Structure formats: C-alpha cells, structure tokens
Amino acid sequence: MTTRVAIVGGTGKLGGIIRSVVEAEDGFDVHATLSSRDDIALIGGADLVVDASTPAVSVDVVRAAVERGINILIGTSGWSSERIALVRPLVEAAGTGAVFIPNFSLGSVLGSALAAAAAPFFPSAEIVEAHRDTKVDSPSGTAVRTAELIAASRTEQGPVLAPHVDQRARGQQVASVPVHSLRRPGVIARQEVILSGAGESLSIVHDTVDSAAAYAPGIRLALQHAVEARGVVVGLDSFIDIGLGRR
C-alpha cells in the first residue's frame, strides 16, 4: 500500500529535500506539493501531511490536517512546548497523530541529548545557534528543544544560573537557558551548548554542512513513524534509542 503525502511548504528549501526523500522512498508517493500560500484544501485525499511551511501558517496547517483526520509530520520551526500544548487537545480528540521534529539531523538530536545528559553536572548553560540570514524565526526550534531538554534534566537541581538576563544582550531565556541567535550568510546550521562550572567548561557543537545529506535519514525515519503515530510526538529521539535514558 502506498502512502500519499501532501507537502505544505514543498516549494521551499526544506520542503524540496522532503519531496526528494518521499519520491525516492518505497511505499510513499507525493500526492500534492503546496506553497505556504496555496489553498490548504489541496491536502484532501492525502494519507499523511508534511508541514515545512512557515511559523506564521504552521498552526493552521496542523489544524487543517487534524480536522480532516490526517496524520501530520511537522518540520516547521517555532513549535515550543507551550505552542504544542495549544494543539494537543485537538489532536487527541481527533484520534490522529502529530509528530513535531525540531531538527531532522541525527547528529543534532544526539548533540541535544548529550547536552541534556551533561546539564545536571553544571550550574550554567547557554546556547549559541547560527542559521542562514533568510531564516525568519529565532531562536531556532532546535535551540528551543535543547533548552527544554536541559531544563527537564535539571528537575532536582533547578534552573540553570543565568545572571543579568534583564539585559537584552544576554539573549532570550528559554526554560531558564539563555539562547543567542546569529543570522548570517554562508551558514546552514550550527548550535553550540556551553556548560560551565567552577574551573571548567564543556562545549557541545553540532554543524550542518550539507542539509540534504544531513536531513535525509531523519526524514525517512520520521515518515515511517508518522504514518501510524497517535497523539502528539515530539523529537526524532522518540524513534531512536540514544542510550542516555528518555527525558
């Protein structure tokens, strides 16, 4: 049986990579390719919707898919845990599945997991993330997810130490973790988590140097699981055993 996939934002950079993966994957077929401005009704007849649109329209795409009883895989950035909580009741009431993937790169997922595992041992944690200058949102979804994982790993220790966060130059606090966003040409994606303690620091860095090659394995994995998912699922780490314990 072939899974018919409608890709919203399929004319963009990430959407184009997703479309190439779907076209090459056995058992999957591109049912429709929509831009972020196309009539959302074009997703009708699909077995799975993949959202690679923009943060401004992503919530409408999720609602449209769920209301039609179609599972959805969301690769659009900007979905914090608070924003996901707003659509969770809709997904659960419909009995469908919504899979939110902040980053399709397996290396990025591992980097975030390592940062979360190390965070309880350091009082300070900050994130510096960089993306191309055309990225419309900041902080990145990956940075938000990493900060949330760090906070979740520190339930016994409490929030990280973050002095002087009332000053704008100290970045935006996400789950108590200061996040600094760079937007510049010549960059695909880079994230550095800097963990600091008395007399030492630990930096965990992930660089994306070829988005198509880096994202394709994660996209394939997410597609396979999104078809049968039920309820809200967050993170590619939900489908792989990193060996560090679930956060």
Foldseek 3Di string as FASTA:
>chain_A
DAFEEEEEQLVDDVNVLLQVLQVPDPRYDHQYYHYNPDDLCSCPPGQEYEYQYEPVCVVVNVLVQLVNLHFYEYQYKDDAPVNVVVCQVSQQVSFAEYEYALALFPLLQLLLLVCLLCLLVFQAKAKEKEAAQPRDDPPGRSVLVSLVSNLVSNPPVHAHDQPPVVDVVQADARSNHHYHYHHHHPAHMKMWMWGDHPPDIDIRIDGDDDRSVRRSVSSVQCVVARSPHTGYHYHSVVRDCSPSDDD
